[in-house]
Amino acid sequence: MAKKKIYITREVPEIALKMLKKYKDFDVRMYRGDKKIPRRILLNNVKGCHGILSILTEKIDAQVMDAAGPNLKVISNFAVGFDNVDLKAAKERGIRVGNTPAPEVSQSVAEFTFALLMARTRRIVESDRFTRLGKYEEWDPLLMLGRDVYNKTIGIVGLGRIGQEVAKRAGKGFNMKILYTDIARNPKFEKEYKAKKTTLPLLLKNADYVTLHVPLLPATRHLISTKELKRMKKTAYLINTARGPVVDEKALLKALYKNEIAGAALDVYECEPAIDCDPHDRYELRKLSNVIITPHIASATIEARDAMARLAAQNIIGVLKNKKAPALIKIK
């Protein structure tokens, strides 16, 4: 009997391969290049595949699905977000799509969100640079003044799994007042963590820290732009560990250059992997001292990546072996 072909588009933790290779009727192959798989290689290597384990850097569209052919039954995306997968095209072809929203991922991203928040407000990156350059000469009561986090107001845009984990740390760890926006109200969570659902304009007006935890959808693209940034306090900070295009980068750059908000901390970018969408204008994130930039590593812990690998493999096994697939997306 012919084996079922499974293709992994980028090197992932070994646990995923071990789980898939346990099945003797699976032919598992993985692209092992150091960089993103070239499009022509992707299209060639998915031919005849029954399952694809994709990475968020790959655009899995109708062209890829058609290159795979009628055997393709499941695409398991190694990410919580799935904006790189054409869900409509998958539904039209009867292909199931899964993602990896493991609890460990939510916890890791929430921890990293707070790491960014603390690093920006306490000027840790600036201070490190200052000290390495030999500028520290003596203790100074006005040196690198930041702001406290305790008892301040945090505005959480999107109270999903990650947003809730951020809120837990904010409320229980730092006694912060919690404002949130979401499609639905969560009365149980509000009661336990003294959180308050509000509108985005009121959240922006009242929050000392605004942190984004929404998926990238047509409705959330440029959710934060000029009008929204002007609503924020001049002393407020913006943190984005969601998806880059949720923020209008040009509008944010202008606000940061003009000190219209106190600062930002970004792990994702609108034109990622480019840090700036327009390299020819005068605005550049890398030149700003009031912003921290990191290379999309919010979930980059061993625990989170292993959990994602397990889920990604389980989604494929579940579909191809008629077992329970733990994280399939409901495509409308």
Protein backbone atom coordinates (compact mmCIF):
# COMPACT_ATOMS: atom_id res chain seq x y z
CA MET A 1 0.00 0.00 0.00
CA ALA A 2 1.30 3.45 -0.93
CA LYS A 3 2.43 5.58 1.96
CA LYS A 4 0.79 8.87 2.89
CA LYS A 5 3.18 11.72 2.21
CA ILE A 6 3.63 14.44 4.83
CA TYR A 7 5.77 17.48 4.16
CA ILE A 8 7.16 19.84 6.80
CA THR A 9 8.11 23.22 5.33
CA ARG A 10 10.74 24.20 7.90
CA GLU A 11 12.73 22.50 10.63
CA VAL A 12 10.63 22.09 13.78
CA PRO A 13 11.30 20.42 17.16
CA GLU A 14 12.17 16.75 16.80
CA ILE A 15 9.12 15.64 18.79
CA ALA A 16 6.87 16.30 15.76
CA LEU A 17 8.96 14.04 13.51
CA LYS A 18 9.08 11.26 16.10
CA MET A 19 5.30 11.34 16.50
CA LEU A 20 4.65 11.26 12.76
CA LYS A 21 7.31 8.65 11.97
CA LYS A 22 5.78 6.21 14.46
CA TYR A 23 3.24 5.45 11.75
CA LYS A 24 4.79 3.10 9.22
CA ASP A 25 2.40 4.20 6.48
CA PHE A 26 3.57 7.83 6.75
CA ASP A 27 6.38 9.09 4.51
CA VAL A 28 7.61 12.17 6.42
CA ARG A 29 9.95 14.66 4.82
CA MET A 30 11.16 18.05 6.01
CA TYR A 31 12.87 21.02 4.37
CA ARG A 32 16.12 21.60 6.27
CA GLY A 33 17.33 24.86 4.78
CA ASP A 34 18.49 27.61 7.11
CA LYS A 35 16.09 30.15 5.64
CA LYS A 36 12.48 30.26 4.47
CA ILE A 37 11.78 27.62 1.84
CA PRO A 38 11.90 29.06 -1.69
CA ARG A 39 8.48 29.12 -3.32
CA ARG A 40 9.48 26.92 -6.28
CA ILE A 41 10.84 24.25 -3.92
CA LEU A 42 7.71 24.40 -1.78
CA LEU A 43 5.45 23.92 -4.82
CA ASN A 44 7.56 21.02 -6.07
CA ASN A 45 7.96 19.25 -2.73
CA VAL A 46 4.29 19.22 -1.73
CA LYS A 47 3.26 17.26 -4.84
CA GLY A 48 1.15 14.27 -3.88
CA CYS A 49 1.13 15.18 -0.17
CA HIS A 50 -1.65 14.06 2.14
CA GLY A 51 -0.58 16.44 4.91
CA ILE A 52 1.45 19.65 5.16
CA LEU A 53 2.95 20.95 8.39
CA SER A 54 3.43 24.61 7.53
CA ILE A 55 5.20 27.51 9.19
CA LEU A 56 3.71 31.01 9.42
CA THR A 57 6.38 32.35 7.03
CA GLU A 58 4.92 30.27 4.18
CA LYS A 59 1.89 31.46 2.24
CA ILE A 60 -0.26 28.37 1.92
CA ASP A 61 -2.70 29.43 -0.78
CA ALA A 62 -4.70 27.83 -3.58
CA GLN A 63 -1.54 27.44 -5.68
CA VAL A 64 0.15 25.35 -2.98
CA MET A 65 -2.98 23.27 -2.39
CA ASP A 66 -3.38 22.59 -6.10
CA ALA A 67 0.32 21.73 -6.37
CA ALA A 68 -0.22 19.13 -3.65
CA GLY A 69 -3.19 17.76 -5.52
CA PRO A 70 -6.32 15.84 -4.51
CA ASN A 71 -4.50 13.74 -1.91
CA LEU A 72 -4.13 16.75 0.40
CA LYS A 73 -6.40 16.32 3.41
CA VAL A 74 -4.86 18.46 6.16
CA ILE A 75 -2.70 21.55 6.65
CA SER A 76 -1.38 21.93 10.19
CA ASN A 77 0.03 25.41 10.78
CA PHE A 78 2.86 25.69 13.29
CA ALA A 79 1.46 28.87 14.85
CA VAL A 80 -1.51 30.13 16.80
CA GLY A 81 -2.36 32.57 14.01
CA PHE A 82 -3.32 31.24 10.59
CA ASP A 83 -3.47 34.35 8.40
CA ASN A 84 -0.87 32.74 6.12
CA VAL A 85 -3.33 30.00 5.14
CA ASP A 86 -6.12 30.65 2.64
CA LEU A 87 -9.02 29.18 4.60
CA LYS A 88 -11.54 29.75 1.83
CA ALA A 89 -9.41 27.84 -0.68
CA ALA A 90 -8.96 25.02 1.86
CA LYS A 91 -12.70 24.76 2.48
CA GLU A 92 -13.44 24.68 -1.25
CA ARG A 93 -11.06 21.72 -1.60
CA GLY A 94 -12.26 19.87 1.50
CA ILE A 95 -8.93 20.36 3.30
CA ARG A 96 -8.90 20.57 7.09
CA VAL A 97 -6.73 23.27 8.67
CA GLY A 98 -5.26 23.16 12.15
CA ASN A 99 -3.18 25.48 14.32
CA THR A 100 -1.24 25.18 17.59
CA PRO A 101 -2.90 27.16 20.42
CA ALA A 102 -1.19 25.22 23.21
CA PRO A 103 -1.49 26.56 26.78
CA GLU A 104 2.31 26.79 26.90
CA VAL A 105 2.21 29.22 23.97
CA SER A 106 -0.26 31.52 25.72
CA GLN A 107 1.88 31.48 28.84
CA SER A 108 5.11 32.16 26.98
CA VAL A 109 3.64 35.04 24.97
CA ALA A 110 2.10 36.54 28.11
CA GLU A 111 5.45 36.35 29.91
CA PHE A 112 7.20 37.94 26.96
CA THR A 113 4.57 40.69 26.80
CA PHE A 114 5.39 41.57 30.38
CA ALA A 115 9.11 41.32 29.68
CA LEU A 116 8.67 43.91 26.92
CA LEU A 117 6.43 46.07 29.08
CA MET A 118 8.92 46.10 31.95
CA ALA A 119 11.95 46.55 29.71
CA ARG A 120 10.40 49.56 27.97
CA THR A 121 8.95 51.34 30.96
CA ARG A 122 12.10 50.79 33.08
CA ARG A 123 14.40 51.58 30.14
CA ILE A 124 16.37 48.38 30.54
CA VAL A 125 17.60 48.18 26.95
CA GLU A 126 18.67 51.84 27.00
CA SER A 127 20.41 51.33 30.33
CA ASP A 128 22.26 48.25 29.10
CA ARG A 129 23.50 50.13 26.03
CA PHE A 130 24.46 53.15 28.16
CA THR A 131 26.48 50.98 30.55
CA ARG A 132 28.23 48.97 27.81
CA LEU A 133 29.38 52.22 26.20
CA GLY A 134 31.16 53.15 29.42
CA LYS A 135 28.89 56.10 30.14
CA TYR A 136 28.03 55.06 33.71
CA GLU A 137 30.29 57.13 35.97
CA GLU A 138 28.40 57.47 39.23
CA TRP A 139 24.99 57.02 40.80
CA ASP A 140 22.64 59.80 39.75
CA PRO A 141 19.14 60.32 41.23
CA LEU A 142 17.83 61.39 37.81
CA LEU A 143 19.59 58.75 35.70
CA MET A 144 17.36 56.66 33.37
CA LEU A 145 14.11 57.46 35.15
CA GLY A 146 11.28 55.15 34.18
CA ARG A 147 7.77 54.57 35.50
CA ASP A 148 6.24 52.09 37.92
CA VAL A 149 3.93 49.36 36.69
CA TYR A 150 2.28 48.53 40.01
CA ASN A 151 -1.29 49.82 40.38
CA LYS A 152 -1.35 51.30 36.87
CA THR A 153 -4.02 50.61 34.22
CA ILE A 154 -3.44 48.06 31.49
CA GLY A 155 -5.61 47.97 28.38
CA ILE A 156 -5.82 44.52 26.78
CA VAL A 157 -7.09 44.52 23.21
CA GLY A 158 -8.38 40.99 22.71
CA LEU A 159 -9.19 38.82 25.74
CA GLY A 160 -8.51 35.43 24.19
CA ARG A 161 -6.14 32.84 25.65
CA ILE A 162 -3.10 35.09 25.55
CA GLY A 163 -4.98 38.22 26.61
CA GLN A 164 -6.32 36.38 29.64
CA GLU A 165 -2.86 35.17 30.64
CA VAL A 166 -1.59 38.76 30.42
CA ALA A 167 -4.52 39.95 32.53
CA LYS A 168 -3.82 37.31 35.19
CA ARG A 169 -0.23 38.49 35.56
CA ALA A 170 -1.25 42.13 35.55
CA GLY A 171 -3.97 41.74 38.15
CA LYS A 172 -2.47 39.19 40.53
CA GLY A 173 1.18 40.17 40.12
CA PHE A 174 1.07 43.95 39.78
CA ASN A 175 -2.35 44.93 41.16
CA MET A 176 -3.10 46.63 37.85
CA LYS A 177 -6.51 47.88 36.85
CA ILE A 178 -7.62 45.84 33.84
CA LEU A 179 -9.56 47.22 30.89
CA TYR A 180 -10.25 45.00 27.91
CA THR A 181 -11.98 44.90 24.54
CA ASP A 182 -13.27 41.74 22.93
CA ILE A 183 -16.09 40.49 20.73
CA ALA A 184 -17.82 38.98 23.75
CA ARG A 185 -17.97 39.87 27.42
CA ASN A 186 -16.44 37.48 29.97
CA PRO A 187 -18.35 38.04 33.25
CA LYS A 188 -16.58 35.20 35.10
CA PHE A 189 -13.16 36.59 34.23
CA GLU A 190 -14.27 40.13 35.09
CA LYS A 191 -15.34 39.01 38.54
CA GLU A 192 -12.19 37.03 39.29
CA TYR A 193 -9.71 39.62 38.04
CA LYS A 194 -11.75 42.81 38.52
CA ALA A 195 -11.53 43.42 34.77
CA LYS A 196 -13.82 45.79 32.93
CA LYS A 197 -14.97 45.46 29.32
CA THR A 198 -14.99 48.76 27.50
CA THR A 199 -14.77 50.29 24.04
CA LEU A 200 -11.48 50.71 22.23
CA PRO A 201 -11.61 54.54 22.39
CA LEU A 202 -12.15 54.49 26.17
CA LEU A 203 -9.47 51.84 26.67
CA LEU A 204 -6.95 53.92 24.74
CA LYS A 205 -7.88 57.05 26.64
CA ASN A 206 -7.47 55.51 30.10
CA ALA A 207 -4.74 52.87 29.81
CA ASP A 208 -1.14 53.44 30.85
CA TYR A 209 -0.15 50.33 28.86
CA VAL A 210 -1.96 49.10 25.75
CA THR A 211 -1.17 45.53 24.69
CA LEU A 212 -2.51 43.86 21.54
CA HIS A 213 -3.71 40.26 21.43
CA VAL A 214 -6.04 39.99 18.43
CA PRO A 215 -5.67 37.81 15.33
CA LEU A 216 -4.97 39.44 11.99
CA LEU A 217 -8.31 39.71 10.20
CA PRO A 218 -9.70 42.28 7.78
CA ALA A 219 -11.40 43.93 10.76
CA THR A 220 -8.18 44.15 12.79
CA ARG A 221 -5.79 45.34 10.08
CA HIS A 222 -4.61 48.83 11.11
CA LEU A 223 -6.80 48.59 14.20
CA ILE A 224 -4.29 50.98 15.77
CA SER A 225 -3.64 53.96 13.48
CA THR A 226 -3.36 57.75 13.74
CA LYS A 227 -6.75 58.34 15.36
CA GLU A 228 -6.22 55.62 17.94
CA LEU A 229 -2.68 56.73 18.81
CA LYS A 230 -3.89 60.28 19.36
CA ARG A 231 -6.40 58.95 21.87
CA MET A 232 -3.64 57.42 24.00
CA LYS A 233 -2.02 59.25 26.89
CA LYS A 234 1.28 60.94 26.14
CA THR A 235 2.68 58.86 29.01
CA ALA A 236 1.29 55.55 27.65
CA TYR A 237 3.12 52.65 26.02
CA LEU A 238 2.02 50.33 23.20
CA ILE A 239 3.05 46.65 23.16
CA ASN A 240 2.45 44.42 20.15
CA THR A 241 3.10 40.67 20.25
CA ALA A 242 0.13 39.83 18.00
CA ARG A 243 0.60 40.51 14.28
CA GLY A 244 2.39 43.47 12.73
CA PRO A 245 -0.37 44.73 10.41
CA VAL A 246 -2.69 45.22 13.39
CA VAL A 247 -0.73 48.47 13.80
CA ASP A 248 -0.38 51.10 11.07
CA GLU A 249 3.41 51.27 11.14
CA LYS A 250 3.72 54.68 9.50
CA ALA A 251 1.26 56.19 11.99
CA LEU A 252 3.12 54.61 14.91
CA LEU A 253 6.48 55.86 13.66
CA LYS A 254 5.18 59.40 13.41
CA ALA A 255 3.67 59.20 16.91
CA LEU A 256 6.97 57.91 18.33
CA TYR A 257 9.07 60.55 16.55
CA LYS A 258 6.76 63.30 17.83
CA ASN A 259 6.64 61.76 21.36
CA GLU A 260 2.85 61.63 21.14
CA ILE A 261 3.07 58.45 23.22
CA ALA A 262 5.83 57.54 25.67
CA GLY A 263 7.06 54.53 23.75
CA ALA A 264 6.42 51.14 22.23
CA ALA A 265 7.70 47.57 22.33
CA LEU A 266 7.27 45.50 19.19
CA ASP A 267 7.87 41.84 18.47
CA VAL A 268 6.05 41.89 15.11
CA TYR A 269 6.07 44.25 12.13
CA GLU A 270 3.70 45.28 9.38
CA CYS A 271 6.02 44.26 6.53
CA GLU A 272 7.80 41.48 8.40
CA PRO A 273 10.56 40.38 8.15
CA ALA A 274 11.41 43.97 7.13
CA ILE A 275 11.53 46.14 10.23
CA ASP A 276 10.39 49.22 8.29
CA CYS A 277 7.90 49.13 5.42
CA ASP A 278 9.43 52.15 3.71
CA PRO A 279 13.25 52.18 3.86
CA HIS A 280 13.39 55.43 1.94
CA ASP A 281 11.52 57.75 4.31
CA ARG A 282 13.04 59.50 7.32
CA TYR A 283 11.24 57.34 9.86
CA GLU A 284 13.14 54.33 11.16
CA LEU A 285 12.31 52.16 14.15
CA ARG A 286 15.95 51.20 14.71
CA LYS A 287 16.92 54.82 15.37
CA LEU A 288 14.33 55.41 18.09
CA SER A 289 15.35 55.17 21.73
CA ASN A 290 11.71 55.05 22.91
CA VAL A 291 10.97 51.72 21.21
CA ILE A 292 12.16 48.15 21.80
CA ILE A 293 12.23 45.83 18.78
CA THR A 294 12.60 42.04 18.94
CA PRO A 295 12.57 39.40 16.15
CA HIS A 296 9.13 37.74 16.59
CA ILE A 297 10.18 35.58 19.54
CA ALA A 298 7.27 35.97 21.97
CA SER A 299 6.59 32.22 21.99
CA ALA A 300 10.24 31.21 21.65
CA THR A 301 10.66 28.95 24.65
CA ILE A 302 11.56 25.27 24.59
CA GLU A 303 8.32 24.43 26.38
CA ALA A 304 6.12 26.38 23.96
CA ARG A 305 7.83 25.18 20.79
CA ASP A 306 7.66 21.52 21.88
CA ALA A 307 3.97 21.93 22.72
CA MET A 308 3.35 23.50 19.31
CA ALA A 309 5.19 20.65 17.60
CA ARG A 310 3.07 18.06 19.41
CA LEU A 311 -0.16 19.80 18.47
CA ALA A 312 0.90 20.25 14.86
CA ALA A 313 1.67 16.54 14.57
CA GLN A 314 -1.53 15.52 16.38
CA ASN A 315 -3.63 17.54 13.94
CA ILE A 316 -2.16 15.63 11.00
CA ILE A 317 -2.40 12.25 12.73
CA GLY A 318 -5.99 12.95 13.76
CA VAL A 319 -7.16 13.75 10.24
CA LEU A 320 -5.20 11.06 8.38
CA LYS A 321 -5.88 8.33 10.95
CA ASN A 322 -9.51 9.27 11.68
CA LYS A 323 -8.62 10.07 15.26
CA LYS A 324 -9.30 13.17 17.33
CA ALA A 325 -7.48 16.20 15.94
CA PRO A 326 -7.10 18.59 18.88
CA ALA A 327 -6.88 21.97 17.14
CA LEU A 328 -8.76 22.13 13.87
CA ILE A 329 -10.06 25.53 12.79
CA LYS A 330 -13.77 25.94 12.15
CA ILE A 331 -13.89 27.50 8.71
CA LYS A 332 -17.05 29.53 8.12
